[in-house]
Protein backbone atom coordinates (compact mmCIF):
# COMPACT_ATOMS: atom_id res chain seq x y z
CA MET A 1 113.21 132.25 147.89
CA ASN A 2 114.45 131.38 144.57
CA THR A 3 113.47 127.71 145.07
CA VAL A 4 110.05 128.96 145.69
CA ARG A 5 109.74 131.07 142.74
CA LEU A 6 111.30 128.21 140.44
CA ALA A 7 108.68 125.80 141.73
CA ALA A 8 106.04 128.43 141.00
CA PHE A 9 107.44 128.92 137.51
CA LYS A 10 107.36 125.04 136.91
CA VAL A 11 103.56 124.80 138.01
CA SER A 12 102.91 127.72 135.63
CA LEU A 13 104.51 126.02 132.68
CA LEU A 14 102.65 122.64 133.52
CA SER A 15 99.33 124.55 133.63
CA LEU A 16 99.99 126.18 130.44
CA ALA A 17 100.88 122.82 128.69
CA LEU A 18 97.91 120.98 130.16
CA SER A 19 95.55 123.90 129.05
CA THR A 20 96.98 123.62 125.30
CA VAL A 21 96.49 119.86 125.36
CA VAL A 22 92.95 120.41 126.29
CA LEU A 23 92.44 123.29 123.76
CA ALA A 24 93.81 120.83 121.18
CA GLN A 25 91.48 118.05 122.09
CA GLU A 26 88.59 120.31 121.98
CA SER A 27 89.50 121.20 118.34
CA VAL A 28 89.46 117.63 117.19
CA ASP A 29 86.40 116.54 115.08
CA LEU A 30 85.36 113.31 116.78
CA ASN A 31 83.14 112.60 113.84
CA ARG A 32 86.14 112.27 111.40
CA PRO A 33 87.02 108.66 110.49
CA ASN A 34 90.40 107.54 111.55
CA ASN A 35 90.51 104.85 108.70
CA GLY A 36 88.94 103.80 105.61
CA ASN A 37 89.95 106.91 103.67
CA THR A 38 92.32 105.28 101.42
CA ILE A 39 92.25 102.63 98.90
CA SER A 40 94.75 100.96 96.44
CA ILE A 41 93.95 98.92 93.43
CA ASP A 42 95.97 97.23 90.74
CA LEU A 43 95.10 98.87 87.40
CA PRO A 44 93.66 96.28 85.04
CA LEU A 45 95.50 96.08 81.73
CA SER A 46 93.20 96.79 78.68
CA THR A 47 93.22 97.76 75.12
CA GLN A 48 89.56 98.92 75.04
CA GLY A 49 88.06 102.38 75.79
CA ALA A 50 84.71 102.81 74.15
CA ILE A 51 82.65 99.56 73.42
CA TRP A 52 82.92 100.45 69.65
CA PRO A 53 85.43 100.43 68.22
CA PRO A 54 86.13 97.13 69.90
CA ALA A 55 89.74 97.97 71.04
CA GLU A 56 92.36 100.69 70.50
CA VAL A 57 95.15 98.55 68.86
CA ALA A 58 95.11 96.44 66.01
CA ASP A 59 97.11 93.89 64.24
CA GLU A 60 98.68 94.39 60.67
CA ASN A 61 95.38 93.30 59.14
CA GLY A 62 93.28 95.71 60.93
CA ASP A 63 91.63 93.28 63.26
CA PHE A 64 91.05 94.49 66.83
CA ILE A 65 93.43 93.20 69.63
CA LEU A 66 91.02 93.12 72.49
CA LEU A 67 92.01 92.98 76.17
CA GLY A 68 88.86 93.82 77.95
CA GLN A 69 85.01 93.30 77.66
CA SER A 70 83.77 91.29 74.89
CA LEU A 71 80.08 91.26 73.43
CA ARG A 72 78.36 87.92 72.65
CA LYS A 73 74.79 86.96 72.16
CA ASN A 74 73.39 84.50 74.52
CA ALA A 75 71.00 81.43 73.58
CA GLU A 76 68.29 83.94 73.84
CA GLY A 77 69.76 86.30 71.35
CA VAL A 78 70.60 88.88 73.85
CA VAL A 79 74.01 90.59 73.74
CA GLU A 80 75.84 90.10 77.02
CA VAL A 81 79.05 91.85 78.27
CA ILE A 82 81.87 89.47 79.12
CA PRO A 83 84.58 91.06 81.00
CA SER A 84 88.25 90.12 81.00
CA GLN A 85 88.58 88.69 77.56
CA ASN A 86 91.56 88.44 75.33
CA GLN A 87 90.48 88.08 71.72
CA LEU A 88 91.18 88.97 68.26
CA ILE A 89 88.06 90.79 66.98
CA SER A 90 87.15 91.04 63.16
CA LYS A 91 87.38 94.36 61.60
CA ASN A 92 84.30 93.32 59.68
CA SER A 93 82.11 93.09 62.74
CA ILE A 94 78.67 94.34 62.39
CA PRO A 95 78.24 97.28 64.91
CA PRO A 96 74.64 98.67 65.99
CA GLN A 97 72.74 99.90 63.03
CA ASP A 98 69.35 101.02 62.07
CA GLU A 99 66.76 99.59 59.56
CA ASN A 100 68.88 101.53 56.78
CA GLY A 101 72.18 100.18 57.71
CA VAL A 102 73.37 103.46 59.39
CA LEU A 103 75.55 103.24 62.43
CA VAL A 104 73.66 103.77 65.77
CA LEU A 105 75.61 105.87 68.06
CA ASN A 106 73.62 105.43 71.51
CA ASP A 107 73.08 101.67 71.61
CA PRO A 108 76.37 100.13 71.92
CA PHE A 109 75.09 96.87 73.33
CA SER A 110 72.75 95.96 70.60
CA ALA A 111 75.35 94.10 68.53
CA GLU A 112 77.95 91.51 69.10
CA TYR A 113 81.62 91.20 68.26
CA THR A 114 82.85 88.56 65.61
CA VAL A 115 85.62 86.93 67.18
CA VAL A 116 88.32 85.67 64.90
CA ARG A 117 90.04 83.77 67.70
CA GLU A 118 91.07 83.84 71.21
CA LEU A 119 94.51 85.25 72.12
CA ASP A 120 97.19 83.34 74.04
CA LEU A 121 99.01 85.59 76.44
CA SER A 122 100.97 82.74 78.11
CA GLU A 123 104.81 82.96 78.27
CA GLY A 124 106.54 81.78 75.01
CA SER A 125 103.13 82.23 73.01
CA SER A 126 103.57 83.57 69.36
CA ASP A 127 100.80 86.13 70.14
CA LEU A 128 103.21 88.08 72.19
CA ASP A 129 105.27 88.80 69.17
CA MET A 130 102.29 90.44 67.50
CA VAL A 131 103.22 93.96 66.36
CA LEU A 132 100.79 96.68 67.43
CA PHE A 133 99.14 99.00 64.88
CA THR A 134 96.98 101.94 64.85
CA GLN A 135 93.58 101.93 63.19
CA SER A 136 92.99 103.58 59.84
CA PHE A 137 90.57 106.62 59.76
CA GLY A 138 88.43 108.55 57.37
CA PRO A 139 86.46 110.22 55.94
CA TRP A 140 85.16 112.63 58.64
CA ASP A 141 81.73 113.01 57.10
CA THR A 142 79.64 109.92 57.35
CA PRO A 143 75.67 109.20 57.52
CA SER A 144 75.89 108.76 61.18
CA GLY A 145 78.04 111.73 61.83
CA ALA A 146 80.69 109.68 63.27
CA PRO A 147 84.22 109.74 61.47
CA ARG A 148 84.80 106.34 59.94
CA ILE A 149 87.15 103.71 61.88
CA PRO A 150 88.47 101.67 60.25
CA GLY A 151 88.90 103.91 57.13
CA LEU A 152 86.67 103.63 54.28
CA GLY A 153 87.82 100.73 52.23
CA ASP A 154 89.52 98.76 55.04
CA SER A 155 86.47 97.21 56.55
CA ALA A 156 82.76 96.47 55.54
CA HIS A 157 81.36 98.95 58.40
CA ASN A 158 82.31 101.92 60.35
CA LEU A 159 82.93 100.72 64.03
CA ASN A 160 83.21 103.92 65.61
CA THR A 161 80.39 105.28 67.95
CA ASP A 162 82.38 107.83 69.56
CA GLY A 163 81.42 110.68 67.12
CA VAL A 164 83.42 113.75 66.65
CA VAL A 165 85.19 113.83 70.06
CA CYS A 166 86.90 117.21 69.84
CA PRO A 167 85.23 119.81 67.46
CA GLU A 168 87.35 122.42 68.83
CA ILE A 169 90.28 120.86 66.98
CA ALA A 170 88.86 119.07 64.18
CA PRO A 171 87.38 118.55 61.54
CA THR A 172 87.72 121.94 59.74
CA LEU A 173 85.13 122.65 56.75
CA SER A 174 87.80 121.85 54.37
CA GLN A 175 88.56 118.30 56.09
CA LEU A 176 84.84 117.69 55.97
CA ALA A 177 84.58 118.32 52.21
CA SER A 178 87.75 116.21 51.35
CA ASN A 179 88.12 112.45 51.08
CA PHE A 180 90.18 112.66 54.26
CA TYR A 181 91.94 109.12 54.82
CA ARG A 182 94.43 108.23 57.38
CA PRO A 183 96.10 104.59 56.90
CA GLN A 184 97.29 102.23 59.43
CA TYR A 185 100.69 102.69 60.95
CA PRO A 186 102.72 100.52 63.18
CA LEU A 187 102.34 102.08 66.71
CA HIS A 188 106.04 103.05 66.70
CA GLU A 189 105.75 104.83 63.27
CA THR A 190 102.50 106.94 64.18
CA PRO A 191 103.01 110.33 62.51
CA VAL A 192 104.17 113.05 64.84
CA HIS A 193 103.12 116.59 63.95
CA GLY A 194 106.00 118.68 62.76
CA PHE A 195 108.54 116.00 63.23
CA GLN A 196 111.46 116.28 60.83
CA GLY A 197 113.53 113.38 59.92
CA ASP A 198 111.03 111.07 58.29
CA ASN A 199 111.21 112.75 54.92
CA VAL A 200 107.40 113.39 54.84
CA ARG A 201 104.78 115.78 55.76
CA TYR A 202 100.87 115.18 55.53
CA ASN A 203 98.25 117.50 53.96
CA ALA A 204 96.08 118.91 56.50
CA ASP A 205 92.90 118.62 54.36
CA THR A 206 93.36 114.96 53.00
CA TRP A 207 96.26 113.49 54.87
CA ALA A 208 98.02 112.67 51.58
CA PRO A 209 101.82 112.35 52.15
CA GLU A 210 103.98 115.27 50.53
CA ASP A 211 107.52 115.86 49.96
CA PRO A 212 108.34 118.80 52.47
CA GLN A 213 110.92 121.46 51.55
CA THR A 214 114.40 121.12 52.77
CA ALA A 215 115.57 123.51 55.48
CA THR A 216 117.73 125.31 52.84
CA GLY A 217 114.59 125.28 50.49
CA CYS A 218 114.69 124.39 46.74
CA SER A 219 112.15 126.85 45.86
CA ASP A 220 110.64 129.99 47.36
CA ASP A 221 107.23 128.58 46.27
CA ILE A 222 105.91 126.24 49.21
CA SER A 223 103.65 124.35 46.76
CA VAL A 224 106.75 123.11 45.02
CA ALA A 225 107.59 119.71 46.33
CA CYS A 226 111.31 119.24 47.31
CA PRO A 227 113.39 116.00 47.58
CA GLY A 228 113.07 115.35 51.11
CA GLU A 229 114.15 117.21 54.24
CA ASP A 230 117.05 117.91 56.55
CA ALA A 231 116.86 115.37 59.60
CA LEU A 232 116.89 118.04 62.30
CA ASP A 233 114.91 116.07 65.08
CA SER A 234 116.13 113.14 67.15
CA ASP A 235 115.75 109.69 66.12
CA ARG A 236 112.61 108.06 67.04
CA ARG A 237 112.24 104.50 68.31
CA SER A 238 112.76 102.33 65.33
CA THR A 239 111.79 98.89 66.78
CA PRO A 240 108.10 97.75 66.73
CA ILE A 241 105.89 97.64 69.78
CA THR A 242 104.75 94.12 70.55
CA LEU A 243 101.83 92.87 72.43
CA GLY A 244 104.34 91.04 74.80
CA GLU A 245 105.92 94.57 75.67
CA TRP A 246 102.35 96.22 75.93
CA ILE A 247 101.10 93.73 78.63
CA LYS A 248 104.22 93.94 80.90
CA ALA A 249 103.07 97.30 81.95
CA ARG A 250 101.96 97.58 85.61
CA GLY A 251 99.91 100.17 87.37
CA ARG A 252 98.95 100.78 91.18
CA LEU A 253 96.41 103.47 91.94
CA THR A 254 96.04 104.79 95.45
CA VAL A 255 93.19 107.02 96.11
CA SER A 256 93.20 109.05 99.48
CA LEU A 257 90.36 111.26 100.63
CA THR A 258 91.42 114.57 101.82
CA ASP A 259 90.25 118.16 102.99
CA TRP A 260 87.82 117.18 105.74
CA ASP A 261 85.04 119.61 106.13
CA LYS A 262 83.85 119.56 109.90
CA GLU A 263 80.59 121.45 109.15
CA GLN A 264 79.46 118.88 106.64
CA GLY A 265 81.16 115.92 108.40
CA ALA A 266 82.65 114.80 104.95
CA TYR A 267 85.74 114.88 102.83
CA THR A 268 85.80 117.20 99.88
CA ALA A 269 88.69 116.14 97.79
CA ALA A 270 90.97 113.10 96.97
CA ASN A 271 94.45 112.60 95.86
CA PHE A 272 94.77 110.18 93.09
CA ASN A 273 98.44 108.65 92.99
CA TYR A 274 99.48 106.60 90.21
CA LYS A 275 102.61 104.41 90.24
CA LEU A 276 103.25 102.97 86.80
CA ARG A 277 106.00 100.69 85.87
CA ASN A 278 107.22 98.96 82.39
CA LEU A 279 105.71 101.74 80.50
CA LEU A 280 106.96 102.58 76.78
CA PRO A 281 109.97 104.65 77.74
CA ASN A 282 110.09 108.43 77.21
CA SER A 283 106.34 108.29 76.05
CA ILE A 284 103.46 110.45 76.94
CA TYR A 285 100.24 108.99 78.48
CA THR A 286 97.11 110.85 79.95
CA THR A 287 94.53 109.62 82.48
CA TRP A 288 90.82 109.95 82.11
CA ALA A 289 87.79 109.81 84.45
CA VAL A 290 84.41 108.01 83.52
CA ARG A 291 81.39 109.53 84.99
CA PRO A 292 77.57 108.43 84.77
CA ARG A 293 76.56 111.38 82.75
CA LEU A 294 79.46 110.67 80.29
CA LEU A 295 78.17 107.22 79.61
CA ALA A 296 75.23 108.51 77.90
CA GLU A 297 76.93 110.93 75.62
CA THR A 298 78.18 110.23 72.21
CA ARG A 299 80.53 113.21 71.77
CA ARG A 300 82.90 113.08 74.67
CA PRO A 301 82.49 109.96 76.87
CA ILE A 302 85.35 110.83 79.24
CA ASP A 303 86.89 113.82 80.57
CA PRO A 304 90.43 114.54 82.27
CA VAL A 305 90.89 113.40 85.74
CA ALA A 306 92.65 116.75 86.37
CA THR A 307 93.87 119.60 84.15
CA PRO A 308 96.52 118.87 82.96
CA ASN A 309 96.33 115.26 83.15
CA VAL A 310 99.57 114.25 81.40
CA ILE A 311 101.76 111.41 82.61
CA MET A 312 105.59 111.12 81.22
CA ALA A 313 107.26 107.92 81.33
CA ASP A 314 111.08 108.19 82.13
CA SER A 315 113.80 106.31 80.27
CA ARG A 316 113.23 103.30 82.18
CA GLY A 317 109.37 103.31 81.55
CA ASN A 318 108.30 104.47 84.96
CA ALA A 319 106.10 107.14 86.07
CA ASP A 320 104.86 108.42 89.57
CA VAL A 321 102.42 111.26 89.56
CA THR A 322 99.52 112.52 91.85
CA PHE A 323 96.52 114.49 90.88
CA LYS A 324 94.20 116.35 93.47
CA VAL A 325 90.50 116.13 92.43
CA GLU A 326 87.78 118.18 94.14
CA ASN A 327 84.58 116.44 95.11
CA PRO A 328 85.28 113.34 92.96
CA PHE A 329 82.69 110.89 94.62
CA PRO A 330 79.32 112.57 95.27
CA ASP A 331 76.74 110.42 96.81
CA PRO A 332 75.25 108.28 93.96
CA ALA A 333 71.75 108.81 95.76
CA THR A 334 71.90 112.75 95.33
CA ASP A 335 74.31 112.97 92.22
CA VAL A 336 71.71 114.10 89.83
CA PHE A 337 74.28 115.55 87.41
CA GLY A 338 76.15 112.13 87.16
CA LYS A 339 79.51 113.72 88.22
CA ARG A 340 80.78 110.80 90.38
CA ILE A 341 83.99 109.21 89.04
CA VAL A 342 83.14 105.48 88.60
CA GLY A 343 85.91 104.64 86.23
CA LEU A 344 89.51 105.53 85.38
CA SER A 345 91.88 105.08 82.42
CA VAL A 346 95.37 105.53 81.27
CA VAL A 347 95.86 106.05 77.58
CA TYR A 348 99.13 106.11 75.33
CA HIS A 349 99.62 108.77 72.80
CA SER A 350 101.42 107.13 69.92
CA ASP A 351 101.54 110.60 68.04
CA LEU A 352 103.27 112.15 71.22
CA GLN A 353 100.71 114.78 71.53
CA ASN A 354 98.29 115.55 74.20
CA TRP A 355 95.17 117.61 73.11
CA GLY A 356 94.17 119.54 76.50
CA ALA A 357 90.88 118.38 77.69
CA CYS A 358 90.13 116.18 74.63
CA PHE A 359 91.48 112.79 74.58
CA THR A 360 92.25 112.58 70.80
CA ARG A 361 92.24 114.51 67.73
CA PHE A 362 90.79 111.74 65.54
CA GLY A 363 89.35 108.81 67.42
CA PRO A 364 90.09 105.88 69.55
CA GLY A 365 92.84 103.55 68.13
CA VAL A 366 93.85 106.25 65.68
CA ASP A 367 96.17 108.38 67.81
CA ILE A 368 95.31 107.17 71.40
CA HIS A 369 95.43 103.70 72.79
CA VAL A 370 94.19 102.51 76.31
CA LEU A 371 96.57 100.72 78.43
CA PHE A 372 94.71 100.60 81.76
CA ASN A 373 91.05 100.71 82.26
CA THR A 374 89.25 99.96 85.57
CA LEU A 375 85.94 98.96 83.72
CA SER A 376 87.70 96.22 81.62
CA ASP A 377 87.25 93.48 84.31
CA GLY A 378 83.46 94.35 84.76
CA THR A 379 84.00 96.66 87.69
CA PHE A 380 81.44 99.73 87.38
CA ASP A 381 82.49 101.67 90.39
CA PHE A 382 86.08 101.23 91.69
CA ALA A 383 85.49 103.13 94.95
CA PRO A 384 81.76 102.31 95.95
CA ASN A 385 82.30 103.19 99.62
CA PHE A 386 83.78 106.67 99.02
CA ILE A 387 81.54 109.67 99.36
CA THR A 388 82.76 113.28 99.06
CA LYS A 389 80.88 116.67 99.13
CA SER A 390 81.42 120.07 97.64
CA LYS A 391 83.22 122.51 99.62
CA THR A 392 81.28 125.17 101.43
CA ASN A 393 82.38 128.72 101.32
């Protein structure tokens, strides 16, 4: 009798297991693709974000160190975009201008770069020893409405077509009214806001260097200059950042579509995983998205991949981080608002400061510097086969 009951119990368990398998099979969406939902790419090294200014690092003379797309006129006089170039571009290049010589912000491909020379990035080249500098900046107020990069007196023309990129931060009315000027700095000596230990502070309206008060104070009147300050903060890097060190960086991006919507038959999000190596140790980077609608704008040509979008390099210069992005790849055929992510960049913040959803306080090459850019090799859309849709409620 017990044997019969045991056999019946086993049959019951088997029936339950089979029914569970059947139910599980019935819940599977047969339209969901089993592969093709992940891509990995090597991030192209670059020093270029916007087309003007030509690059976001400079040499000691203020000429632009370009790793990216160059602009050159062909035999017919038409400006062509030449990807994957390594060139030194003159700070006196003539940018897009109207008949009155005023900088034009929305026609970047109407003028060519003036190439000083080609750069040699091969092993042992003296070009690898070039020390990287920021660009100078100022004033804020110019005929075109774009702050001047390079700064007034450092070049024949304003080469900045990015305009005021973050009016929530700057400029203030007092900065607009002043002769604001910020000089070039070696990248490793870019001023850090609030940093003590360099014996200098900068006037917020003009950027003129001032003697800060000592911690003990030599006067109760903050307008009285005191001789130096107490070095309370940790020492900063003291060795220059060279082009050779810059180009040792490596980046691998893996994008995986996720959050399958059975009703729509589409993914609704993606994970963006960055594996970055040989970065500047203990440094701050951020990552930014380029979308078709942003390419036509002059105020903010990029926006954060995610919020926050900070990447912190460890003491060995490594960083691994993943950002989840909702509906990053709308179908181009129906993407009337131009929200599709077609390009990505990773930028270095030489002032050790990120600015929320704004990529800079001043402008490209002044306090931010592109390291990787998927557009620099001529690739317009790095994930052309990916399509996502917005989540349904």
